[in-house]
Structure formats: structure tokens, C-alpha cells
Amino acid sequence: MANRCILQFLDELLESLRDLQWHSLDEVRTQVSPGTEDELYYKFIPLLEVQEFISIDTERKRAKIKPMGLKFLGLPSEN
């Protein structure tokens, strides 16, 4: 996957979480880059958590954007 495609994928993933609400990981996966390999998607989710772009609730299998993710998108954070 080319760098531009990766950045587009990351942007789409974070955009799907921009409302600051929890979203199921399955819901996010279906909204982000249809046709993207699931393997790639599941590799990026933990990376985004480590980089503090998103929070993951592994027990409930859901994700929520964090201030760093909003900053990446150029959106104001609501702390």
C-alpha cells in the first residue's frame, strides 16, 4: 500500500470517530476504505492506540478518538 493510500486510510478511520463517541470496531471497519484488507486494518488499530490517536475498549470491542487524533485531523479537541 502506497504512503498516500495509508494516509487516506488513517484519515478515513479517524474521521469515522470524529464525533467523540464510542464506535464498535466492526462498524469502523465497514466505514473505512471498503475493500481494504482486514489484516491491514487490524494492524493499524493498535498502532493508533499506542500513538494516542484513539482509545480502545478491548472488552467491548470499540474505539473512540482522542485529542491527538483530532489534532491530526485539524479539529479542535474537547477535553
N, C-alpha and C. Protein backbone atom coordinates (compact mmCIF):
# COMPACT_ATOMS: atom_id res chain seq x y z
N MET A 1 0.86 -1.18 0.00
CA MET A 1 0.00 0.00 0.00
C MET A 1 0.90 1.24 0.00
N ALA A 2 0.68 2.13 -0.92
CA ALA A 2 1.49 3.34 -1.03
C ALA A 2 1.22 4.28 0.14
N ASN A 3 2.21 5.16 0.42
CA ASN A 3 2.08 6.10 1.55
C ASN A 3 0.80 6.92 1.46
N ARG A 4 0.47 7.39 0.27
CA ARG A 4 -0.75 8.20 0.11
C ARG A 4 -1.99 7.41 0.51
N CYS A 5 -2.04 6.15 0.13
CA CYS A 5 -3.18 5.30 0.49
C CYS A 5 -3.24 5.06 1.99
N ILE A 6 -2.10 4.90 2.62
CA ILE A 6 -2.06 4.71 4.07
C ILE A 6 -2.57 5.96 4.77
N LEU A 7 -2.13 7.13 4.33
CA LEU A 7 -2.60 8.37 4.95
C LEU A 7 -4.10 8.55 4.73
N GLN A 8 -4.59 8.22 3.57
CA GLN A 8 -6.03 8.30 3.29
C GLN A 8 -6.78 7.35 4.20
N PHE A 9 -6.26 6.14 4.36
CA PHE A 9 -6.87 5.15 5.23
C PHE A 9 -6.93 5.66 6.67
N LEU A 10 -5.81 6.20 7.18
CA LEU A 10 -5.77 6.74 8.54
C LEU A 10 -6.75 7.89 8.70
N ASP A 11 -6.78 8.76 7.71
CA ASP A 11 -7.70 9.90 7.75
C ASP A 11 -9.15 9.43 7.81
N GLU A 12 -9.50 8.47 6.97
CA GLU A 12 -10.86 7.94 6.96
C GLU A 12 -11.20 7.27 8.29
N LEU A 13 -10.26 6.52 8.84
CA LEU A 13 -10.50 5.85 10.10
C LEU A 13 -10.76 6.87 11.21
N LEU A 14 -9.92 7.88 11.31
CA LEU A 14 -10.10 8.91 12.34
C LEU A 14 -11.37 9.72 12.10
N GLU A 15 -11.67 10.02 10.84
CA GLU A 15 -12.91 10.75 10.51
C GLU A 15 -14.14 9.98 10.98
N SER A 16 -14.09 8.66 10.91
CA SER A 16 -15.23 7.87 11.33
C SER A 16 -15.46 7.95 12.84
N LEU A 17 -14.47 8.44 13.58
CA LEU A 17 -14.56 8.55 15.03
C LEU A 17 -14.65 10.00 15.51
N ARG A 18 -14.71 10.94 14.62
CA ARG A 18 -14.58 12.36 14.96
C ARG A 18 -15.66 12.91 15.87
N ASP A 19 -16.77 12.20 16.05
CA ASP A 19 -17.86 12.71 16.89
C ASP A 19 -17.62 12.49 18.39
N LEU A 20 -16.46 11.97 18.75
CA LEU A 20 -16.05 11.78 20.14
C LEU A 20 -16.86 10.71 20.88
N GLN A 21 -17.61 9.91 20.15
CA GLN A 21 -18.40 8.83 20.74
C GLN A 21 -17.68 7.49 20.54
N TRP A 22 -18.08 6.50 21.33
CA TRP A 22 -17.55 5.15 21.14
C TRP A 22 -18.22 4.53 19.92
N HIS A 23 -17.42 3.80 19.12
CA HIS A 23 -17.92 3.09 17.94
C HIS A 23 -17.37 1.68 17.96
N SER A 24 -18.20 0.72 17.58
CA SER A 24 -17.71 -0.66 17.54
C SER A 24 -16.62 -0.76 16.46
N LEU A 25 -15.67 -1.63 16.72
CA LEU A 25 -14.58 -1.81 15.75
C LEU A 25 -15.11 -2.35 14.43
N ASP A 26 -16.13 -3.18 14.48
CA ASP A 26 -16.72 -3.69 13.23
C ASP A 26 -17.37 -2.57 12.43
N GLU A 27 -18.06 -1.66 13.13
CA GLU A 27 -18.70 -0.52 12.46
C GLU A 27 -17.64 0.35 11.77
N VAL A 28 -16.56 0.63 12.47
CA VAL A 28 -15.49 1.45 11.90
C VAL A 28 -14.88 0.76 10.69
N ARG A 29 -14.64 -0.53 10.81
CA ARG A 29 -14.02 -1.29 9.71
C ARG A 29 -14.88 -1.22 8.45
N THR A 30 -16.20 -1.30 8.60
CA THR A 30 -17.06 -1.27 7.41
C THR A 30 -17.15 0.13 6.81
N GLN A 31 -16.91 1.17 7.60
CA GLN A 31 -16.98 2.54 7.10
C GLN A 31 -15.69 2.99 6.44
N VAL A 32 -14.59 2.38 6.80
CA VAL A 32 -13.28 2.83 6.35
C VAL A 32 -12.82 2.04 5.13
N SER A 33 -12.51 2.76 4.07
CA SER A 33 -11.91 2.17 2.87
C SER A 33 -12.45 0.79 2.54
N PRO A 34 -13.68 0.71 2.06
CA PRO A 34 -14.19 -0.61 1.67
C PRO A 34 -13.21 -1.29 0.73
N GLY A 35 -12.97 -2.54 0.97
CA GLY A 35 -12.01 -3.27 0.15
C GLY A 35 -10.62 -3.31 0.74
N THR A 36 -10.37 -2.51 1.80
CA THR A 36 -9.07 -2.56 2.46
C THR A 36 -8.94 -3.91 3.16
N GLU A 37 -7.77 -4.48 3.07
CA GLU A 37 -7.55 -5.77 3.69
C GLU A 37 -7.78 -5.69 5.20
N ASP A 38 -8.53 -6.64 5.74
CA ASP A 38 -8.78 -6.67 7.17
C ASP A 38 -7.47 -6.74 7.96
N GLU A 39 -6.50 -7.46 7.44
CA GLU A 39 -5.21 -7.59 8.12
C GLU A 39 -4.57 -6.22 8.34
N LEU A 40 -4.62 -5.38 7.33
CA LEU A 40 -4.07 -4.03 7.44
C LEU A 40 -4.83 -3.22 8.49
N TYR A 41 -6.15 -3.29 8.43
CA TYR A 41 -6.99 -2.58 9.39
C TYR A 41 -6.64 -2.98 10.82
N TYR A 42 -6.55 -4.27 11.09
CA TYR A 42 -6.28 -4.73 12.44
C TYR A 42 -4.84 -4.47 12.88
N LYS A 43 -3.94 -4.22 11.97
CA LYS A 43 -2.57 -3.81 12.34
C LYS A 43 -2.53 -2.33 12.73
N PHE A 44 -3.34 -1.51 12.09
CA PHE A 44 -3.32 -0.07 12.36
C PHE A 44 -4.06 0.32 13.64
N ILE A 45 -5.08 -0.42 14.02
CA ILE A 45 -5.84 -0.08 15.22
C ILE A 45 -4.94 -0.03 16.45
N PRO A 46 -4.15 -1.05 16.74
CA PRO A 46 -3.26 -0.96 17.91
C PRO A 46 -2.22 0.15 17.78
N LEU A 47 -1.74 0.40 16.58
CA LEU A 47 -0.76 1.47 16.36
C LEU A 47 -1.37 2.83 16.70
N LEU A 48 -2.60 3.06 16.30
CA LEU A 48 -3.26 4.32 16.61
C LEU A 48 -3.48 4.49 18.11
N GLU A 49 -3.69 3.38 18.80
CA GLU A 49 -3.83 3.46 20.26
C GLU A 49 -2.49 3.78 20.91
N VAL A 50 -1.44 3.13 20.48
CA VAL A 50 -0.10 3.39 21.03
C VAL A 50 0.30 4.84 20.80
N GLN A 51 -0.04 5.40 19.65
CA GLN A 51 0.30 6.78 19.33
C GLN A 51 -0.68 7.78 19.97
N GLU A 52 -1.65 7.25 20.73
CA GLU A 52 -2.66 8.05 21.44
C GLU A 52 -3.58 8.84 20.52
N PHE A 53 -3.86 8.28 19.35
CA PHE A 53 -4.84 8.86 18.44
C PHE A 53 -6.24 8.39 18.81
N ILE A 54 -6.34 7.17 19.34
CA ILE A 54 -7.62 6.60 19.73
C ILE A 54 -7.48 5.85 21.05
N SER A 55 -8.63 5.65 21.70
CA SER A 55 -8.72 4.75 22.86
C SER A 55 -9.45 3.51 22.39
N ILE A 56 -9.04 2.37 22.90
CA ILE A 56 -9.71 1.12 22.55
C ILE A 56 -10.20 0.46 23.83
N ASP A 57 -11.44 0.06 23.80
CA ASP A 57 -12.04 -0.74 24.87
C ASP A 57 -12.06 -2.16 24.32
N THR A 58 -11.05 -2.95 24.68
CA THR A 58 -10.92 -4.29 24.10
C THR A 58 -12.04 -5.23 24.57
N GLU A 59 -12.52 -5.01 25.79
CA GLU A 59 -13.58 -5.86 26.31
C GLU A 59 -14.86 -5.70 25.49
N ARG A 60 -15.19 -4.46 25.15
CA ARG A 60 -16.42 -4.19 24.39
C ARG A 60 -16.16 -4.04 22.90
N LYS A 61 -14.91 -4.18 22.48
CA LYS A 61 -14.52 -4.11 21.06
C LYS A 61 -15.01 -2.82 20.41
N ARG A 62 -14.56 -1.71 20.98
CA ARG A 62 -14.96 -0.40 20.45
C ARG A 62 -13.81 0.58 20.56
N ALA A 63 -13.92 1.67 19.82
CA ALA A 63 -12.86 2.69 19.77
C ALA A 63 -13.47 4.08 19.85
N LYS A 64 -12.64 5.02 20.31
CA LYS A 64 -13.04 6.42 20.45
C LYS A 64 -11.82 7.28 20.15
N ILE A 65 -12.03 8.39 19.45
CA ILE A 65 -10.92 9.27 19.11
C ILE A 65 -10.45 10.04 20.35
N LYS A 66 -9.15 10.34 20.39
CA LYS A 66 -8.56 11.12 21.48
C LYS A 66 -8.10 12.48 20.92
N PRO A 67 -7.73 13.41 21.79
CA PRO A 67 -7.29 14.73 21.33
C PRO A 67 -6.19 14.68 20.26
N MET A 68 -5.24 13.74 20.37
CA MET A 68 -4.18 13.65 19.36
C MET A 68 -4.74 13.29 17.99
N GLY A 69 -5.76 12.43 17.96
CA GLY A 69 -6.41 12.08 16.69
C GLY A 69 -7.13 13.27 16.09
N LEU A 70 -7.79 14.05 16.94
CA LEU A 70 -8.45 15.26 16.46
C LEU A 70 -7.43 16.26 15.92
N LYS A 71 -6.29 16.35 16.60
CA LYS A 71 -5.23 17.25 16.15
C LYS A 71 -4.72 16.83 14.77
N PHE A 72 -4.56 15.53 14.56
CA PHE A 72 -4.13 15.00 13.26
C PHE A 72 -5.11 15.41 12.17
N LEU A 73 -6.40 15.40 12.50
CA LEU A 73 -7.44 15.80 11.53
C LEU A 73 -7.56 17.32 11.40
N GLY A 74 -6.91 18.05 12.31
CA GLY A 74 -7.01 19.50 12.29
C GLY A 74 -8.27 20.01 12.93
N LEU A 75 -8.85 19.23 13.86
CA LEU A 75 -10.08 19.59 14.54
C LEU A 75 -9.78 20.00 15.98
N PRO A 76 -10.57 20.91 16.54
CA PRO A 76 -10.37 21.28 17.94
C PRO A 76 -10.76 20.12 18.85
N SER A 77 -10.02 19.96 19.94
CA SER A 77 -10.35 18.90 20.90
C SER A 77 -11.26 19.45 21.98
N GLU A 78 -12.08 18.59 22.50
CA GLU A 78 -12.98 18.95 23.59
C GLU A 78 -12.57 18.14 24.80
N ASN A 79 -11.65 18.66 25.59
CA ASN A 79 -11.16 17.92 26.75
C ASN A 79 -12.13 17.92 27.87
